[in-house]
Amino acid sequence: ITLPTSAYSSRAKSIFVSGSDVYVCGIQQPTSSSNDIATVWKNGVPQNLTDVTGMAGANDIFVSGADVYVAGFEENANDIYVAKYWKNGTAVALTDGIRRAEATGIRVKDSDVHVCGMEHSTATGINTFVKYWKNGAAINLTNGNREAEPKELRISGNNIYIGGYEYWDSNNGYAKAIVWKNGIPTDLTGEVVGESAVIYGMDVKNDTVIAAGYQRDPGTGILKAKYWKNGSPVALSNGSHNGWLTGVFIK
């Protein structure tokens, strides 16, 4: 299904189904501007969350009853990305706009809004804090001394899970796959020279956690599509060519 757009380019980032309604969030880039617009499509009808004043993006979408929540970012007047979420099109800023930041995942339970994202530890550096916000109150999950990024947030019972990765040697591109449970990290892959692992997608049901991404073979350098079920790895590609997973769903 092609989503209608009059933009020069567009990209869908996340999808959510509520009843018979299909919601998709992503970006559009108008032909008249180099800036992306954060957009939600409901049953194919687009609604712009931002304008072309600055760069913006929508990374994750969640629907709770009649309310639509979107996690993403919007550039401010100083060209700094501000981590935001939108509730029914109304923006809520999660960061102060001093350092670049972005919201990457969102879920809502019992009227509490849970968001994950990242904020750069300095104005110009690449190192980042992995962050978790509950109703706008922030908690740092990393110390900001390394480059790291969360990709997915899920809730199971009273437990909050965030999946992502952290570079332990950014000069050589070595990252380790991590799942944070209630702020406590579980390292799925460790620090092996020549190896790198990333989590792109995650789902949790009844505290069964499946995190999906890739792990690079330190000998061949080839990326293997892989998921981890409660920490145990399962490879889906044989290493004859590069492969990676971008999403997973448990039913």
Protein backbone atom coordinates (compact mmCIF):
# COMPACT_ATOMS: atom_id res chain seq x y z
CA ILE A 1 0.00 0.00 0.00
CA THR A 2 1.53 3.28 -1.11
CA LEU A 3 0.89 6.14 1.29
CA PRO A 4 -0.21 9.33 -0.46
CA THR A 5 2.32 12.15 -0.45
CA SER A 6 3.12 15.18 -2.55
CA ALA A 7 6.65 15.30 -1.15
CA TYR A 8 9.90 14.80 -3.00
CA SER A 9 10.71 11.86 -0.76
CA SER A 10 9.05 10.12 2.18
CA ARG A 11 9.70 7.33 4.64
CA ALA A 12 7.52 5.24 6.95
CA LYS A 13 9.11 4.47 10.33
CA SER A 14 6.44 2.78 12.49
CA ILE A 15 2.96 1.26 12.22
CA PHE A 16 0.16 0.62 14.71
CA VAL A 17 -3.27 -0.93 14.29
CA SER A 18 -6.21 0.03 16.51
CA GLY A 19 -9.48 -1.68 15.67
CA SER A 20 -9.89 -1.27 11.93
CA ASP A 21 -7.69 1.85 11.77
CA VAL A 22 -4.11 1.70 10.51
CA TYR A 23 -1.73 4.40 11.72
CA VAL A 24 1.71 5.00 10.22
CA CYS A 25 4.24 7.65 11.21
CA GLY A 26 7.28 8.88 9.32
CA ILE A 27 8.51 11.84 7.32
CA GLN A 28 7.85 13.76 4.13
CA GLN A 29 10.22 16.14 2.39
CA PRO A 30 8.42 18.77 0.29
CA THR A 31 9.91 19.70 -3.04
CA SER A 32 10.11 23.31 -1.84
CA SER A 33 12.31 22.56 1.19
CA SER A 34 15.26 20.48 2.31
CA ASN A 35 13.62 19.97 5.73
CA ASP A 36 11.63 16.84 6.57
CA ILE A 37 8.12 17.10 8.02
CA ALA A 38 6.97 14.70 10.76
CA THR A 39 3.79 13.05 9.49
CA VAL A 40 1.08 10.61 10.59
CA TRP A 41 -1.06 8.72 8.10
CA LYS A 42 -4.40 7.40 9.41
CA ASN A 43 -5.91 4.96 6.94
CA GLY A 44 -3.74 6.61 4.30
CA VAL A 45 -4.74 10.21 5.08
CA PRO A 46 -1.69 12.33 6.04
CA GLN A 47 -1.57 14.74 8.96
CA ASN A 48 1.54 16.89 9.31
CA LEU A 49 2.82 17.31 12.87
CA THR A 50 5.38 19.96 11.88
CA ASP A 51 6.04 22.46 9.10
CA VAL A 52 9.15 23.22 7.04
CA THR A 53 10.59 25.69 9.57
CA GLY A 54 13.12 23.10 10.73
CA MET A 55 14.06 19.45 10.28
CA ALA A 56 11.71 17.02 12.04
CA GLY A 57 10.94 13.33 12.19
CA ALA A 58 8.47 10.81 13.63
CA ASN A 59 10.04 7.55 14.82
CA ASP A 60 7.37 5.59 16.70
CA ILE A 61 3.58 5.63 17.07
CA PHE A 62 1.20 4.24 19.69
CA VAL A 63 -2.58 4.51 19.97
CA SER A 64 -4.38 4.38 23.33
CA GLY A 65 -8.16 4.59 23.01
CA ALA A 66 -8.87 7.72 20.97
CA ASP A 67 -5.42 9.22 21.62
CA VAL A 68 -2.54 9.01 19.14
CA TYR A 69 1.00 9.38 20.48
CA VAL A 70 4.08 9.88 18.29
CA ALA A 71 7.73 10.03 19.37
CA GLY A 72 10.31 11.99 17.37
CA PHE A 73 12.14 15.29 17.20
CA GLU A 74 11.92 18.82 15.83
CA GLU A 75 14.70 21.30 15.13
CA ASN A 76 14.59 24.59 17.04
CA ALA A 77 15.66 28.09 15.95
CA ASN A 78 19.27 27.28 16.94
CA ASP A 79 19.36 24.23 14.63
CA ILE A 80 19.28 21.83 17.60
CA TYR A 81 17.08 18.74 17.54
CA VAL A 82 14.63 18.71 20.46
CA ALA A 83 13.25 15.35 21.61
CA LYS A 84 9.45 15.50 21.53
CA TYR A 85 6.29 13.50 21.53
CA TRP A 86 2.97 14.54 20.08
CA LYS A 87 -0.41 13.68 21.61
CA ASN A 88 -3.17 14.13 19.05
CA GLY A 89 -0.94 16.54 17.16
CA THR A 90 0.06 18.68 20.16
CA ALA A 91 3.81 18.69 20.85
CA VAL A 92 5.40 18.05 24.24
CA ALA A 93 9.13 18.89 24.47
CA LEU A 94 11.24 16.43 26.46
CA THR A 95 14.59 18.28 26.26
CA ASP A 96 15.62 21.92 26.57
CA GLY A 97 17.14 22.36 23.11
CA ILE A 98 20.69 22.98 24.35
CA ARG A 99 22.03 19.63 23.10
CA ARG A 100 20.79 17.53 20.21
CA ALA A 101 18.22 14.94 21.27
CA GLU A 102 15.66 12.59 19.77
CA ALA A 103 12.78 10.41 21.02
CA THR A 104 12.80 6.96 19.45
CA GLY A 105 10.10 4.90 21.19
CA ILE A 106 6.80 5.51 22.99
CA ARG A 107 4.19 3.51 24.89
CA VAL A 108 1.28 4.51 27.14
CA LYS A 109 -0.13 2.57 30.09
CA ASP A 110 -2.67 3.73 32.70
CA SER A 111 -2.39 7.31 31.39
CA ASP A 112 1.39 7.29 31.96
CA VAL A 113 3.47 8.22 28.90
CA HIS A 114 6.73 6.27 28.62
CA VAL A 115 9.33 7.44 26.08
CA CYS A 116 12.88 6.39 25.26
CA GLY A 117 15.45 8.37 23.34
CA MET A 118 18.89 9.89 23.47
CA GLU A 119 20.54 13.22 24.16
CA HIS A 120 24.07 14.17 23.20
CA SER A 121 26.33 14.71 26.20
CA THR A 122 27.99 17.77 24.61
CA ALA A 123 26.89 20.32 22.03
CA THR A 124 29.21 19.00 19.30
CA GLY A 125 30.31 15.48 20.34
CA ILE A 126 28.90 12.11 19.26
CA ASN A 127 28.57 10.57 22.74
CA THR A 128 25.02 10.28 24.01
CA PHE A 129 22.93 9.62 27.08
CA VAL A 130 20.33 6.90 26.60
CA LYS A 131 17.26 8.41 28.25
CA TYR A 132 13.91 7.27 29.57
CA TRP A 133 11.09 9.69 30.29
CA LYS A 134 7.98 8.91 32.34
CA ASN A 135 5.44 11.70 31.96
CA GLY A 136 8.28 14.01 30.96
CA ALA A 137 10.58 13.23 33.93
CA ALA A 138 13.97 12.08 32.62
CA ILE A 139 16.28 9.29 33.78
CA ASN A 140 19.72 8.72 32.21
CA LEU A 141 20.36 5.03 31.50
CA THR A 142 23.98 5.56 30.40
CA ASN A 143 26.70 7.92 31.63
CA GLY A 144 27.15 9.84 28.37
CA ASN A 145 30.76 8.72 27.88
CA ARG A 146 29.95 6.58 24.84
CA GLU A 147 27.80 6.71 21.74
CA ALA A 148 24.58 4.79 22.34
CA GLU A 149 21.05 4.62 20.98
CA PRO A 150 17.79 3.06 22.15
CA LYS A 151 15.46 1.78 19.45
CA GLU A 152 12.35 0.28 21.07
CA LEU A 153 10.35 0.59 24.29
CA ARG A 154 7.92 -2.04 25.53
CA ILE A 155 5.90 -2.54 28.71
CA SER A 156 5.08 -5.89 30.29
CA GLY A 157 3.23 -5.77 33.59
CA ASN A 158 5.04 -3.19 35.69
CA ASN A 159 8.32 -3.66 33.83
CA ILE A 160 9.74 -1.22 31.29
CA TYR A 161 12.04 -2.65 28.61
CA ILE A 162 14.23 -0.63 26.25
CA GLY A 163 16.31 -2.25 23.52
CA GLY A 164 19.26 -0.69 21.73
CA TYR A 165 23.02 -0.66 21.57
CA GLU A 166 26.12 1.07 22.90
CA TYR A 167 29.49 1.52 21.20
CA TRP A 168 32.31 0.28 23.42
CA ASP A 169 34.89 1.18 20.72
CA SER A 170 33.42 3.82 18.43
CA ASN A 171 36.73 4.33 16.60
CA ASN A 172 36.45 0.82 15.15
CA GLY A 173 32.66 0.66 15.08
CA TYR A 174 32.34 -1.99 17.81
CA ALA A 175 28.96 -1.94 19.55
CA LYS A 176 27.20 -4.27 21.96
CA ALA A 177 23.48 -5.11 22.01
CA ILE A 178 21.73 -4.11 25.23
CA VAL A 179 18.29 -4.47 26.79
CA TRP A 180 17.49 -2.24 29.76
CA LYS A 181 14.86 -3.59 32.17
CA ASN A 182 13.64 -0.91 34.57
CA GLY A 183 16.85 0.97 33.87
CA ILE A 184 19.18 -2.00 34.52
CA PRO A 185 21.20 -3.03 31.43
CA THR A 186 21.67 -6.59 30.21
CA ASP A 187 24.60 -6.91 27.80
CA LEU A 188 23.60 -9.53 25.20
CA THR A 189 26.91 -9.78 23.37
CA GLY A 190 29.83 -8.46 25.41
CA GLU A 191 32.94 -6.71 24.13
CA VAL A 192 34.73 -8.83 21.52
CA VAL A 193 37.35 -7.28 19.22
CA GLY A 194 36.08 -7.33 15.64
CA GLU A 195 32.51 -7.98 16.71
CA SER A 196 29.61 -5.55 16.71
CA ALA A 197 25.96 -6.07 17.59
CA VAL A 198 22.90 -3.85 17.29
CA ILE A 199 19.27 -4.09 18.38
CA TYR A 200 16.80 -2.48 15.96
CA GLY A 201 13.51 -4.10 17.03
CA MET A 202 12.09 -5.59 20.22
CA ASP A 203 8.86 -7.00 21.57
CA VAL A 204 7.87 -8.29 25.02
CA LYS A 205 4.97 -10.50 26.07
CA ASN A 206 4.59 -11.79 29.62
CA ASP A 207 8.20 -10.76 30.28
CA THR A 208 9.47 -12.88 27.38
CA VAL A 209 11.85 -10.54 25.59
CA ILE A 210 12.81 -10.91 21.94
CA ALA A 211 15.34 -8.37 20.69
CA ALA A 212 16.19 -8.39 16.99
CA GLY A 213 19.08 -6.96 15.00
CA TYR A 214 22.45 -8.28 13.88
CA GLN A 215 25.80 -9.47 15.14
CA ARG A 216 28.98 -9.10 13.11
CA ASP A 217 31.27 -12.12 12.82
CA PRO A 218 34.72 -11.03 14.05
CA GLY A 219 36.44 -13.40 11.63
CA THR A 220 34.65 -12.66 8.37
CA GLY A 221 33.16 -9.23 9.17
CA ILE A 222 29.78 -10.38 7.82
CA LEU A 223 26.61 -9.28 9.60
CA LYS A 224 24.33 -12.12 10.72
CA ALA A 225 20.61 -11.48 11.14
CA LYS A 226 19.92 -12.53 14.70
CA TYR A 227 17.45 -12.27 17.55
CA TRP A 228 17.90 -12.90 21.25
CA LYS A 229 15.11 -14.59 23.24
CA ASN A 230 15.60 -13.77 26.91
CA GLY A 231 19.27 -13.33 26.13
CA SER A 232 19.78 -16.54 24.11
CA PRO A 233 20.83 -15.87 20.48
CA VAL A 234 19.11 -17.33 17.41
CA ALA A 235 20.73 -16.69 14.02
CA LEU A 236 18.41 -16.38 11.01
CA SER A 237 21.13 -16.04 8.36
CA ASN A 238 24.13 -18.31 7.81
CA GLY A 239 26.81 -15.66 7.37
CA SER A 240 27.28 -16.16 3.63
CA HIS A 241 26.11 -12.58 3.08
CA ASN A 242 25.11 -9.60 5.22
CA GLY A 243 21.73 -9.69 6.92
CA TRP A 244 19.94 -7.88 9.72
CA LEU A 245 16.53 -7.69 11.37
CA THR A 246 14.63 -4.43 11.78
CA GLY A 247 11.54 -5.53 13.69
CA VAL A 248 9.88 -8.35 15.62
CA PHE A 249 6.39 -9.07 16.94
CA ILE A 250 5.27 -11.70 19.45
CA LYS A 251 1.78 -13.16 19.19
